[in-house]
Amino acid sequence: MPASRREKIIEALLALLAEKPFEKIGVAAVAARADVPLADLRAEFGSTFEILAGFVRETDRKVLANPDKDIEESTPRDRLFDVLMRRFEALAPHRGALRSLTRSARRDPALALGLNALAVRSQQWMLAAAGIETAGLLGCMRAQTLAILYAKAMRTFLDDEDPGLARTMAALDRELATAERLAHFAGDLCRLVPRFSPRRRRRDRGAAPAETIPV
């Protein structure tokens, strides 16, 4: 199926991000790379940041549209771990763009804050996919906590070329284990953190044993 205009624009921004910093990419450059008129790009997006937001929403959609039927009867903890790993898998083709975006966010606090807002919104959907409540202030706290944990695991993911993402799984496991320890002080968070099952993940994904060893 031919790519839609929105898809072409998002892919163009990601391609440019792999080549240069986000702050040096303008809407005209994105339109040229996507081979769409500037007026058509404006009809779809209001800025390069809105294109990024579109990419995040599309990633959300891909994860939500492909639930793992094998874990539907599992605990919410196991379901959340699976959801987060499926998100990493969906992002795997875009590591170059994500590395560039991470560097830009470190230099630009405003961009970092904007990306955090996108991340929190996405993690609310990931929590919902795992059957974990997202309503109210508590739901917002869960999503913000999960966004921070996921960003830390992202640092490993960006350099993890193993098709089974063994290092990424190990990093995510460590971050979630840390949150589980902190949950003794934050009560409710203990219900958010899934407990890693390395034997099952390796069997399901054919990954190498996880080694012990962001946006």
N, C-alpha and C. Protein backbone atom coordinates (compact mmCIF):
# COMPACT_ATOMS: atom_id res chain seq x y z
N MET A 1 0.85 -1.19 0.00
CA MET A 1 0.00 0.00 0.00
C MET A 1 0.89 1.25 0.00
N PRO A 2 0.62 2.19 -0.92
CA PRO A 2 1.43 3.41 -0.97
C PRO A 2 1.34 4.18 0.35
N ALA A 3 2.45 4.82 0.73
CA ALA A 3 2.47 5.59 1.96
C ALA A 3 1.55 6.80 1.83
N SER A 4 0.87 7.13 2.90
CA SER A 4 0.03 8.32 2.90
C SER A 4 0.91 9.56 2.97
N ARG A 5 0.29 10.71 2.75
CA ARG A 5 1.05 11.96 2.82
C ARG A 5 1.64 12.16 4.22
N ARG A 6 0.87 11.88 5.24
CA ARG A 6 1.37 12.02 6.61
C ARG A 6 2.55 11.08 6.85
N GLU A 7 2.45 9.86 6.38
CA GLU A 7 3.54 8.90 6.56
C GLU A 7 4.80 9.36 5.85
N LYS A 8 4.66 9.89 4.65
CA LYS A 8 5.81 10.38 3.91
C LYS A 8 6.49 11.54 4.65
N ILE A 9 5.70 12.41 5.24
CA ILE A 9 6.26 13.55 5.97
C ILE A 9 7.00 13.08 7.22
N ILE A 10 6.40 12.16 7.95
CA ILE A 10 7.04 11.64 9.16
C ILE A 10 8.34 10.93 8.80
N GLU A 11 8.31 10.09 7.77
CA GLU A 11 9.52 9.39 7.36
C GLU A 11 10.60 10.37 6.90
N ALA A 12 10.19 11.45 6.26
CA ALA A 12 11.17 12.45 5.81
C ALA A 12 11.85 13.10 7.01
N LEU A 13 11.09 13.45 8.03
CA LEU A 13 11.71 14.04 9.22
C LEU A 13 12.67 13.06 9.88
N LEU A 14 12.28 11.80 9.99
CA LEU A 14 13.16 10.81 10.61
C LEU A 14 14.45 10.64 9.80
N ALA A 15 14.34 10.65 8.49
CA ALA A 15 15.54 10.54 7.65
C ALA A 15 16.46 11.73 7.86
N LEU A 16 15.88 12.92 7.94
CA LEU A 16 16.70 14.12 8.17
C LEU A 16 17.32 14.10 9.56
N LEU A 17 16.59 13.61 10.54
CA LEU A 17 17.12 13.54 11.90
C LEU A 17 18.35 12.64 11.97
N ALA A 18 18.38 11.61 11.16
CA ALA A 18 19.54 10.72 11.15
C ALA A 18 20.77 11.41 10.56
N GLU A 19 20.56 12.55 9.90
CA GLU A 19 21.65 13.26 9.24
C GLU A 19 22.08 14.53 9.95
N LYS A 20 21.15 15.16 10.69
CA LYS A 20 21.46 16.45 11.30
C LYS A 20 20.62 16.67 12.55
N PRO A 21 20.99 17.63 13.40
CA PRO A 21 20.24 17.88 14.63
C PRO A 21 18.83 18.41 14.34
N PHE A 22 17.95 18.12 15.27
CA PHE A 22 16.56 18.56 15.13
C PHE A 22 16.46 20.07 14.95
N GLU A 23 17.28 20.82 15.68
CA GLU A 23 17.18 22.28 15.64
C GLU A 23 17.63 22.87 14.31
N LYS A 24 18.23 22.06 13.46
CA LYS A 24 18.67 22.54 12.15
C LYS A 24 17.76 22.05 11.02
N ILE A 25 16.64 21.49 11.38
CA ILE A 25 15.70 20.99 10.37
C ILE A 25 14.48 21.89 10.32
N GLY A 26 14.22 22.46 9.17
CA GLY A 26 13.06 23.32 8.98
C GLY A 26 11.96 22.62 8.21
N VAL A 27 10.78 23.20 8.23
CA VAL A 27 9.66 22.57 7.54
C VAL A 27 9.89 22.50 6.03
N ALA A 28 10.60 23.48 5.46
CA ALA A 28 10.85 23.45 4.02
C ALA A 28 11.72 22.24 3.66
N ALA A 29 12.71 21.94 4.49
CA ALA A 29 13.57 20.78 4.23
C ALA A 29 12.77 19.49 4.33
N VAL A 30 11.85 19.41 5.28
CA VAL A 30 11.02 18.21 5.41
C VAL A 30 10.13 18.05 4.19
N ALA A 31 9.52 19.14 3.74
CA ALA A 31 8.66 19.08 2.55
C ALA A 31 9.44 18.62 1.33
N ALA A 32 10.67 19.14 1.19
CA ALA A 32 11.49 18.75 0.04
C ALA A 32 11.85 17.27 0.11
N ARG A 33 12.25 16.77 1.30
CA ARG A 33 12.61 15.37 1.43
C ARG A 33 11.41 14.46 1.21
N ALA A 34 10.24 14.91 1.66
CA ALA A 34 9.02 14.10 1.48
C ALA A 34 8.44 14.23 0.09
N ASP A 35 8.94 15.20 -0.68
CA ASP A 35 8.43 15.46 -2.03
C ASP A 35 6.94 15.81 -1.99
N VAL A 36 6.60 16.70 -1.07
CA VAL A 36 5.23 17.20 -0.99
C VAL A 36 5.29 18.72 -0.98
N PRO A 37 4.27 19.38 -1.53
CA PRO A 37 4.25 20.85 -1.47
C PRO A 37 4.21 21.34 -0.04
N LEU A 38 4.82 22.50 0.19
CA LEU A 38 4.83 23.07 1.53
C LEU A 38 3.41 23.28 2.04
N ALA A 39 2.50 23.64 1.15
CA ALA A 39 1.11 23.84 1.57
C ALA A 39 0.48 22.55 2.07
N ASP A 40 0.85 21.42 1.46
CA ASP A 40 0.32 20.13 1.91
C ASP A 40 0.88 19.74 3.27
N LEU A 41 2.16 20.06 3.49
CA LEU A 41 2.73 19.77 4.80
C LEU A 41 2.02 20.59 5.86
N ARG A 42 1.75 21.85 5.56
CA ARG A 42 1.06 22.72 6.52
C ARG A 42 -0.34 22.21 6.82
N ALA A 43 -0.97 21.59 5.84
CA ALA A 43 -2.31 21.05 6.06
C ALA A 43 -2.29 19.88 7.04
N GLU A 44 -1.14 19.21 7.13
CA GLU A 44 -1.02 18.04 8.01
C GLU A 44 -0.42 18.38 9.37
N PHE A 45 0.59 19.24 9.38
CA PHE A 45 1.33 19.54 10.61
C PHE A 45 1.63 21.03 10.70
N GLY A 46 1.73 21.52 11.93
CA GLY A 46 2.00 22.94 12.13
C GLY A 46 3.46 23.27 12.35
N SER A 47 4.30 22.26 12.60
CA SER A 47 5.71 22.49 12.91
C SER A 47 6.45 21.16 12.86
N THR A 48 7.77 21.24 12.93
CA THR A 48 8.54 20.00 12.98
C THR A 48 8.26 19.24 14.28
N PHE A 49 7.99 19.97 15.37
CA PHE A 49 7.66 19.27 16.61
C PHE A 49 6.34 18.52 16.49
N GLU A 50 5.39 19.09 15.77
CA GLU A 50 4.12 18.38 15.56
C GLU A 50 4.33 17.12 14.72
N ILE A 51 5.31 17.16 13.82
CA ILE A 51 5.62 15.94 13.06
C ILE A 51 6.18 14.88 14.01
N LEU A 52 7.03 15.31 14.93
CA LEU A 52 7.52 14.37 15.94
C LEU A 52 6.37 13.77 16.74
N ALA A 53 5.43 14.62 17.13
CA ALA A 53 4.27 14.13 17.87
C ALA A 53 3.48 13.13 17.04
N GLY A 54 3.41 13.36 15.74
CA GLY A 54 2.74 12.41 14.86
C GLY A 54 3.45 11.07 14.82
N PHE A 55 4.77 11.11 14.84
CA PHE A 55 5.55 9.88 14.88
C PHE A 55 5.28 9.11 16.17
N VAL A 56 5.22 9.82 17.29
CA VAL A 56 4.95 9.17 18.57
C VAL A 56 3.56 8.54 18.55
N ARG A 57 2.57 9.25 18.04
CA ARG A 57 1.21 8.69 17.97
C ARG A 57 1.17 7.46 17.08
N GLU A 58 1.90 7.49 15.97
CA GLU A 58 1.91 6.34 15.07
C GLU A 58 2.57 5.13 15.75
N THR A 59 3.62 5.39 16.53
CA THR A 59 4.25 4.30 17.28
C THR A 59 3.28 3.73 18.30
N ASP A 60 2.56 4.60 18.99
CA ASP A 60 1.52 4.14 19.93
C ASP A 60 0.54 3.22 19.21
N ARG A 61 0.09 3.67 18.05
CA ARG A 61 -0.92 2.90 17.32
C ARG A 61 -0.40 1.52 16.95
N LYS A 62 0.85 1.43 16.50
CA LYS A 62 1.42 0.15 16.12
C LYS A 62 1.47 -0.81 17.30
N VAL A 63 1.86 -0.29 18.47
CA VAL A 63 1.94 -1.15 19.65
C VAL A 63 0.55 -1.60 20.08
N LEU A 64 -0.39 -0.67 20.09
CA LEU A 64 -1.75 -1.00 20.55
C LEU A 64 -2.47 -1.92 19.58
N ALA A 65 -2.11 -1.86 18.30
CA ALA A 65 -2.80 -2.65 17.29
C ALA A 65 -2.32 -4.09 17.23
N ASN A 66 -1.23 -4.40 17.93
CA ASN A 66 -0.67 -5.75 17.85
C ASN A 66 -0.45 -6.33 19.24
N PRO A 67 -1.52 -6.54 20.00
CA PRO A 67 -1.35 -7.11 21.33
C PRO A 67 -0.87 -8.55 21.25
N ASP A 68 -0.15 -8.98 22.28
CA ASP A 68 0.32 -10.35 22.38
C ASP A 68 -0.78 -11.19 23.02
N LYS A 69 -1.46 -11.98 22.22
CA LYS A 69 -2.58 -12.78 22.73
C LYS A 69 -2.13 -13.81 23.76
N ASP A 70 -0.85 -14.20 23.70
CA ASP A 70 -0.36 -15.25 24.60
C ASP A 70 -0.28 -14.79 26.05
N ILE A 71 -0.28 -13.47 26.29
CA ILE A 71 -0.12 -13.02 27.67
C ILE A 71 -1.38 -12.34 28.20
N GLU A 72 -2.50 -12.46 27.48
CA GLU A 72 -3.71 -11.79 27.92
C GLU A 72 -4.15 -12.24 29.31
N GLU A 73 -3.84 -13.47 29.67
CA GLU A 73 -4.23 -13.97 30.99
C GLU A 73 -3.12 -13.79 32.02
N SER A 74 -2.04 -13.13 31.63
CA SER A 74 -0.94 -12.90 32.56
C SER A 74 -1.28 -11.76 33.52
N THR A 75 -0.39 -11.53 34.46
CA THR A 75 -0.58 -10.43 35.40
C THR A 75 -0.37 -9.09 34.68
N PRO A 76 -0.91 -8.01 35.23
CA PRO A 76 -0.64 -6.69 34.64
C PRO A 76 0.85 -6.38 34.54
N ARG A 77 1.62 -6.88 35.49
CA ARG A 77 3.07 -6.65 35.46
C ARG A 77 3.70 -7.26 34.21
N ASP A 78 3.35 -8.51 33.94
CA ASP A 78 3.90 -9.18 32.75
C ASP A 78 3.42 -8.50 31.47
N ARG A 79 2.16 -8.09 31.47
CA ARG A 79 1.62 -7.44 30.26
C ARG A 79 2.34 -6.12 30.00
N LEU A 80 2.62 -5.38 31.04
CA LEU A 80 3.31 -4.10 30.86
C LEU A 80 4.72 -4.31 30.31
N PHE A 81 5.42 -5.29 30.83
CA PHE A 81 6.76 -5.56 30.32
C PHE A 81 6.70 -5.89 28.83
N ASP A 82 5.74 -6.71 28.45
CA ASP A 82 5.61 -7.09 27.05
C ASP A 82 5.29 -5.88 26.17
N VAL A 83 4.40 -5.01 26.65
CA VAL A 83 4.04 -3.81 25.90
C VAL A 83 5.28 -2.94 25.66
N LEU A 84 6.07 -2.73 26.70
CA LEU A 84 7.25 -1.89 26.57
C LEU A 84 8.27 -2.48 25.61
N MET A 85 8.43 -3.80 25.62
CA MET A 85 9.35 -4.41 24.69
C MET A 85 8.83 -4.32 23.26
N ARG A 86 7.54 -4.45 23.07
CA ARG A 86 6.99 -4.30 21.71
C ARG A 86 7.19 -2.87 21.21
N ARG A 87 7.17 -1.92 22.12
CA ARG A 87 7.43 -0.53 21.71
C ARG A 87 8.87 -0.38 21.24
N PHE A 88 9.80 -0.95 21.98
CA PHE A 88 11.19 -0.90 21.54
C PHE A 88 11.35 -1.54 20.15
N GLU A 89 10.70 -2.64 19.93
CA GLU A 89 10.79 -3.32 18.64
C GLU A 89 10.25 -2.44 17.51
N ALA A 90 9.18 -1.71 17.78
CA ALA A 90 8.61 -0.82 16.77
C ALA A 90 9.56 0.34 16.46
N LEU A 91 10.37 0.73 17.43
CA LEU A 91 11.29 1.85 17.25
C LEU A 91 12.62 1.44 16.64
N ALA A 92 12.90 0.15 16.58
CA ALA A 92 14.20 -0.33 16.15
C ALA A 92 14.67 0.23 14.80
N PRO A 93 13.80 0.37 13.80
CA PRO A 93 14.29 0.90 12.51
C PRO A 93 14.69 2.37 12.56
N HIS A 94 14.43 3.04 13.66
CA HIS A 94 14.63 4.49 13.71
C HIS A 94 15.69 4.91 14.73
N ARG A 95 16.62 4.01 15.04
CA ARG A 95 17.62 4.32 16.06
C ARG A 95 18.44 5.56 15.72
N GLY A 96 18.83 5.70 14.46
CA GLY A 96 19.64 6.86 14.07
C GLY A 96 18.94 8.17 14.37
N ALA A 97 17.66 8.25 14.03
CA ALA A 97 16.89 9.47 14.32
C ALA A 97 16.75 9.69 15.81
N LEU A 98 16.54 8.61 16.56
CA LEU A 98 16.36 8.74 18.01
C LEU A 98 17.65 9.15 18.71
N ARG A 99 18.78 8.65 18.23
CA ARG A 99 20.07 9.09 18.80
C ARG A 99 20.24 10.59 18.61
N SER A 100 19.95 11.06 17.41
CA SER A 100 20.08 12.48 17.10
C SER A 100 19.13 13.31 17.96
N LEU A 101 17.91 12.85 18.10
CA LEU A 101 16.92 13.58 18.89
C LEU A 101 17.33 13.63 20.36
N THR A 102 17.90 12.55 20.87
CA THR A 102 18.36 12.51 22.25
C THR A 102 19.47 13.54 22.48
N ARG A 103 20.41 13.62 21.54
CA ARG A 103 21.48 14.62 21.67
C ARG A 103 20.92 16.04 21.67
N SER A 104 19.95 16.29 20.80
CA SER A 104 19.35 17.63 20.74
C SER A 104 18.62 17.96 22.03
N ALA A 105 17.93 16.99 22.59
CA ALA A 105 17.19 17.23 23.84
C ALA A 105 18.13 17.56 24.99
N ARG A 106 19.31 16.98 24.99
CA ARG A 106 20.29 17.29 26.05
C ARG A 106 20.78 18.72 25.97
N ARG A 107 20.77 19.28 24.76
CA ARG A 107 21.23 20.66 24.58
C ARG A 107 20.09 21.67 24.75
N ASP A 108 18.86 21.24 24.64
CA ASP A 108 17.72 22.15 24.59
C ASP A 108 16.68 21.76 25.64
N PRO A 109 16.66 22.44 26.79
CA PRO A 109 15.70 22.09 27.85
C PRO A 109 14.24 22.19 27.39
N ALA A 110 13.93 23.16 26.54
CA ALA A 110 12.55 23.30 26.07
C ALA A 110 12.14 22.09 25.25
N LEU A 111 13.03 21.64 24.39
CA LEU A 111 12.73 20.44 23.61
C LEU A 111 12.59 19.24 24.53
N ALA A 112 13.44 19.12 25.53
CA ALA A 112 13.37 18.00 26.47
C ALA A 112 12.03 17.99 27.20
N LEU A 113 11.55 19.16 27.61
CA LEU A 113 10.25 19.24 28.29
C LEU A 113 9.12 18.83 27.35
N GLY A 114 9.21 19.27 26.10
CA GLY A 114 8.18 18.90 25.13
C GLY A 114 8.16 17.41 24.87
N LEU A 115 9.34 16.82 24.76
CA LEU A 115 9.42 15.38 24.53
C LEU A 115 8.92 14.60 25.74
N ASN A 116 9.18 15.14 26.94
CA ASN A 116 8.67 14.47 28.13
C ASN A 116 7.15 14.45 28.14
N ALA A 117 6.54 15.55 27.73
CA ALA A 117 5.07 15.59 27.68
C ALA A 117 4.54 14.54 26.70
N LEU A 118 5.20 14.39 25.55
CA LEU A 118 4.80 13.36 24.59
C LEU A 118 4.98 11.97 25.19
N ALA A 119 6.09 11.78 25.90
CA ALA A 119 6.38 10.47 26.48
C ALA A 119 5.37 10.09 27.54
N VAL A 120 5.00 11.04 28.38
CA VAL A 120 4.02 10.74 29.43
C VAL A 120 2.68 10.36 28.82
N ARG A 121 2.27 11.09 27.79
CA ARG A 121 1.01 10.76 27.13
C ARG A 121 1.06 9.36 26.53
N SER A 122 2.18 9.02 25.90
CA SER A 122 2.31 7.69 25.30
C SER A 122 2.29 6.60 26.36
N GLN A 123 2.97 6.84 27.48
CA GLN A 123 3.01 5.82 28.51
C GLN A 123 1.66 5.62 29.18
N GLN A 124 0.80 6.62 29.15
CA GLN A 124 -0.57 6.40 29.61
C GLN A 124 -1.26 5.35 28.74
N TRP A 125 -1.02 5.40 27.44
CA TRP A 125 -1.59 4.40 26.54
C TRP A 125 -0.95 3.03 26.75
N MET A 126 0.35 3.01 27.03
CA MET A 126 1.02 1.74 27.27
C MET A 126 0.49 1.09 28.55
N LEU A 127 0.27 1.90 29.58
CA LEU A 127 -0.32 1.38 30.82
C LEU A 127 -1.72 0.83 30.56
N ALA A 128 -2.49 1.58 29.79
CA ALA A 128 -3.85 1.11 29.47
C ALA A 128 -3.80 -0.21 28.72
N ALA A 129 -2.84 -0.36 27.82
CA ALA A 129 -2.71 -1.61 27.06
C ALA A 129 -2.39 -2.78 27.98
N ALA A 130 -1.73 -2.49 29.10
CA ALA A 130 -1.39 -3.54 30.06
C ALA A 130 -2.49 -3.74 31.10
N GLY A 131 -3.58 -3.02 30.96
CA GLY A 131 -4.68 -3.18 31.89
C GLY A 131 -4.45 -2.50 33.23
N ILE A 132 -3.63 -1.45 33.24
CA ILE A 132 -3.32 -0.72 34.47
C ILE A 132 -4.04 0.62 34.41
N GLU A 133 -4.68 1.00 35.49
CA GLU A 133 -5.50 2.21 35.53
C GLU A 133 -4.67 3.47 35.28
N THR A 134 -5.21 4.38 34.46
CA THR A 134 -4.48 5.60 34.11
C THR A 134 -5.24 6.86 34.48
N ALA A 135 -6.39 6.72 35.14
CA ALA A 135 -7.22 7.89 35.44
C ALA A 135 -6.66 8.68 36.62
N GLY A 136 -6.95 9.99 36.61
CA GLY A 136 -6.66 10.83 37.76
C GLY A 136 -5.19 11.12 37.98
N LEU A 137 -4.92 11.75 39.13
CA LEU A 137 -3.55 12.12 39.48
C LEU A 137 -2.65 10.90 39.61
N LEU A 138 -3.18 9.83 40.17
CA LEU A 138 -2.37 8.62 40.32
C LEU A 138 -1.97 8.07 38.96
N GLY A 139 -2.89 8.09 38.00
CA GLY A 139 -2.55 7.63 36.66
C GLY A 139 -1.46 8.48 36.03
N CYS A 140 -1.53 9.79 36.25
CA CYS A 140 -0.49 10.68 35.72
C CYS A 140 0.86 10.38 36.36
N MET A 141 0.84 10.11 37.66
CA MET A 141 2.10 9.77 38.34
C MET A 141 2.68 8.48 37.81
N ARG A 142 1.82 7.50 37.58
CA ARG A 142 2.30 6.24 37.00
C ARG A 142 2.94 6.47 35.64
N ALA A 143 2.27 7.27 34.80
CA ALA A 143 2.77 7.50 33.44
C ALA A 143 4.10 8.25 33.46
N GLN A 144 4.23 9.25 34.35
CA GLN A 144 5.48 9.99 34.43
C GLN A 144 6.62 9.08 34.92
N THR A 145 6.33 8.26 35.92
CA THR A 145 7.34 7.33 36.41
C THR A 145 7.77 6.37 35.30
N LEU A 146 6.81 5.86 34.59
CA LEU A 146 7.12 4.91 33.53
C LEU A 146 7.89 5.58 32.40
N ALA A 147 7.57 6.83 32.09
CA ALA A 147 8.30 7.55 31.05
C ALA A 147 9.77 7.70 31.42
N ILE A 148 10.06 7.98 32.70
CA ILE A 148 11.44 8.11 33.15
C ILE A 148 12.18 6.78 33.05
N LEU A 149 11.53 5.71 33.51
CA LEU A 149 12.14 4.38 33.45
C LEU A 149 12.43 3.99 32.00
N TYR A 150 11.47 4.24 31.14
CA TYR A 150 11.62 3.86 29.74
C TYR A 150 12.75 4.64 29.08
N ALA A 151 12.86 5.93 29.42
CA ALA A 151 13.93 6.75 28.85
C ALA A 151 15.30 6.24 29.26
N LYS A 152 15.43 5.76 30.49
CA LYS A 152 16.71 5.21 30.93
C LYS A 152 17.05 3.93 30.18
N ALA A 153 16.07 3.07 29.99
CA ALA A 153 16.30 1.85 29.22
C ALA A 153 16.61 2.17 27.76
N MET A 154 16.07 3.29 27.28
CA MET A 154 16.30 3.70 25.90
C MET A 154 17.79 3.91 25.62
N ARG A 155 18.56 4.34 26.62
CA ARG A 155 19.99 4.57 26.42
C ARG A 155 20.70 3.29 25.98
N THR A 156 20.28 2.17 26.56
CA THR A 156 20.85 0.89 26.14
C THR A 156 20.31 0.48 24.78
N PHE A 157 19.02 0.65 24.57
CA PHE A 157 18.38 0.25 23.33
C PHE A 157 19.05 0.90 22.12
N LEU A 158 19.44 2.16 22.24
CA LEU A 158 19.99 2.88 21.09
C LEU A 158 21.28 2.27 20.57
N ASP A 159 21.97 1.49 21.40
CA ASP A 159 23.20 0.83 20.98
C ASP A 159 23.09 -0.69 20.96
N ASP A 160 21.88 -1.19 21.07
CA ASP A 160 21.65 -2.64 21.14
C ASP A 160 21.25 -3.16 19.75
N GLU A 161 22.21 -3.73 19.05
CA GLU A 161 21.95 -4.21 17.69
C GLU A 161 21.53 -5.68 17.66
N ASP A 162 21.46 -6.31 18.81
CA ASP A 162 21.02 -7.70 18.89
C ASP A 162 19.55 -7.79 18.48
N PRO A 163 19.20 -8.63 17.48
CA PRO A 163 17.80 -8.75 17.07
C PRO A 163 16.87 -9.13 18.22
N GLY A 164 17.38 -9.86 19.20
CA GLY A 164 16.57 -10.24 20.35
C GLY A 164 16.50 -9.19 21.43
N LEU A 165 17.27 -8.09 21.27
CA LEU A 165 17.28 -6.98 22.24
C LEU A 165 17.58 -7.46 23.66
N ALA A 166 18.52 -8.38 23.79
CA ALA A 166 18.83 -8.94 25.10
C ALA A 166 19.31 -7.87 26.07
N ARG A 167 20.21 -6.98 25.63
CA ARG A 167 20.72 -5.94 26.52
C ARG A 167 19.62 -4.97 26.91
N THR A 168 18.74 -4.69 25.97
CA THR A 168 17.63 -3.79 26.28
C THR A 168 16.71 -4.40 27.32
N MET A 169 16.43 -5.70 27.18
CA MET A 169 15.59 -6.36 28.17
C MET A 169 16.23 -6.33 29.54
N ALA A 170 17.54 -6.55 29.59
CA ALA A 170 18.24 -6.52 30.87
C ALA A 170 18.18 -5.13 31.48
N ALA A 171 18.37 -4.10 30.65
CA ALA A 171 18.33 -2.73 31.16
C ALA A 171 16.94 -2.37 31.66
N LEU A 172 15.92 -2.76 30.91
CA LEU A 172 14.56 -2.48 31.34
C LEU A 172 14.26 -3.20 32.64
N ASP A 173 14.74 -4.43 32.74
CA ASP A 173 14.54 -5.19 33.97
C ASP A 173 15.15 -4.47 35.16
N ARG A 174 16.37 -3.95 34.99
CA ARG A 174 17.02 -3.26 36.10
C ARG A 174 16.26 -2.01 36.50
N GLU A 175 15.80 -1.25 35.51
CA GLU A 175 15.07 -0.02 35.82
C GLU A 175 13.76 -0.33 36.55
N LEU A 176 13.07 -1.35 36.11
CA LEU A 176 11.82 -1.71 36.75
C LEU A 176 12.05 -2.29 38.15
N ALA A 177 13.17 -2.99 38.31
CA ALA A 177 13.50 -3.51 39.64
C ALA A 177 13.79 -2.37 40.60
N THR A 178 14.46 -1.33 40.10
CA THR A 178 14.71 -0.15 40.93
C THR A 178 13.40 0.50 41.35
N ALA A 179 12.47 0.61 40.41
CA ALA A 179 11.17 1.20 40.73
C ALA A 179 10.43 0.34 41.74
N GLU A 180 10.62 -0.96 41.66
CA GLU A 180 9.96 -1.85 42.60
C GLU A 180 10.49 -1.62 44.02
N ARG A 181 11.79 -1.38 44.12
CA ARG A 181 12.35 -1.08 45.44
C ARG A 181 11.84 0.25 45.97
N LEU A 182 11.76 1.24 45.06
CA LEU A 182 11.25 2.55 45.47
C LEU A 182 9.78 2.47 45.85
N ALA A 183 9.09 1.47 45.31
CA ALA A 183 7.67 1.34 45.60
C ALA A 183 7.39 1.12 47.08
N HIS A 184 8.38 0.66 47.81
CA HIS A 184 8.21 0.50 49.25
C HIS A 184 7.95 1.86 49.90
N PHE A 185 8.44 2.92 49.22
CA PHE A 185 8.22 4.27 49.74
C PHE A 185 7.06 4.96 49.04
N ALA A 186 6.66 4.44 47.90
CA ALA A 186 5.60 5.08 47.13
C ALA A 186 4.38 4.20 46.98
N GLY A 187 4.27 3.18 47.80
CA GLY A 187 3.08 2.36 47.88
C GLY A 187 2.57 1.81 46.57
N ASP A 188 1.75 2.56 45.90
CA ASP A 188 1.01 2.07 44.74
C ASP A 188 1.90 1.64 43.59
N LEU A 189 3.11 2.20 43.45
CA LEU A 189 3.94 1.90 42.29
C LEU A 189 4.31 0.42 42.21
N CYS A 190 4.23 -0.29 43.31
CA CYS A 190 4.58 -1.71 43.27
C CYS A 190 3.65 -2.48 42.35
N ARG A 191 2.45 -1.96 42.10
CA ARG A 191 1.53 -2.64 41.20
C ARG A 191 1.82 -2.30 39.76
N LEU A 192 2.66 -1.32 39.52
CA LEU A 192 2.99 -0.90 38.15
C LEU A 192 4.13 -1.73 37.58
N VAL A 193 5.06 -2.15 38.41
CA VAL A 193 6.31 -2.70 37.91
C VAL A 193 6.19 -4.18 37.60
N PRO A 194 6.39 -4.59 36.34
CA PRO A 194 6.35 -6.00 36.01
C PRO A 194 7.64 -6.69 36.42
N ARG A 195 7.54 -7.93 36.84
CA ARG A 195 8.74 -8.69 37.18
C ARG A 195 9.23 -9.43 35.95
N PHE A 196 10.47 -9.23 35.61
CA PHE A 196 11.07 -9.80 34.40
C PHE A 196 11.10 -11.31 34.47
N SER A 197 10.76 -11.94 33.35
CA SER A 197 10.85 -13.39 33.26
C SER A 197 11.79 -13.74 32.11
N PRO A 198 13.10 -13.74 32.36
CA PRO A 198 14.06 -13.90 31.26
C PRO A 198 13.90 -15.19 30.50
N ARG A 199 13.52 -16.28 31.19
CA ARG A 199 13.38 -17.56 30.50
C ARG A 199 12.29 -17.48 29.45
N ARG A 200 11.16 -16.85 29.81
CA ARG A 200 10.05 -16.76 28.86
C ARG A 200 10.39 -15.84 27.69
N ARG A 201 11.04 -14.70 27.98
CA ARG A 201 11.36 -13.77 26.89
C ARG A 201 12.35 -14.42 25.93
N ARG A 202 13.33 -15.14 26.45
CA ARG A 202 14.29 -15.77 25.54
C ARG A 202 13.63 -16.84 24.70
N ARG A 203 12.72 -17.59 25.31
CA ARG A 203 12.06 -18.65 24.56
C ARG A 203 11.17 -18.06 23.47
N ASP A 204 10.41 -17.02 23.84
CA ASP A 204 9.47 -16.44 22.88
C ASP A 204 10.19 -15.73 21.75
N ARG A 205 11.31 -15.05 22.06
CA ARG A 205 11.95 -14.21 21.06
C ARG A 205 13.20 -14.83 20.47
N GLY A 206 13.64 -15.96 21.02
CA GLY A 206 14.86 -16.57 20.54
C GLY A 206 16.08 -15.71 20.79
N ALA A 207 16.04 -14.89 21.85
CA ALA A 207 17.14 -13.97 22.14
C ALA A 207 18.25 -14.70 22.88
N ALA A 208 19.43 -14.15 22.79
CA ALA A 208 20.55 -14.65 23.57
C ALA A 208 20.31 -14.28 25.03
N PRO A 209 20.97 -14.97 25.97
CA PRO A 209 20.79 -14.64 27.38
C PRO A 209 21.10 -13.17 27.63
N ALA A 210 20.26 -12.53 28.43
CA ALA A 210 20.43 -11.12 28.71
C ALA A 210 21.71 -10.90 29.50
N GLU A 211 22.48 -9.87 29.09
CA GLU A 211 23.69 -9.53 29.80
C GLU A 211 23.34 -8.62 30.97
N THR A 212 24.05 -8.81 32.09
CA THR A 212 23.87 -7.89 33.20
C THR A 212 24.76 -6.68 32.94
N ILE A 213 24.42 -5.96 32.89
CA ILE A 213 25.29 -4.80 32.71
C ILE A 213 24.93 -3.65 33.66
N PRO A 214 17.10 6.39 26.13
CA PRO A 214 16.53 7.43 26.76
C PRO A 214 16.07 8.17 25.63
N VAL A 215 13.62 8.65 25.16
CA VAL A 215 13.83 9.76 25.24
C VAL A 215 12.57 9.67 25.92
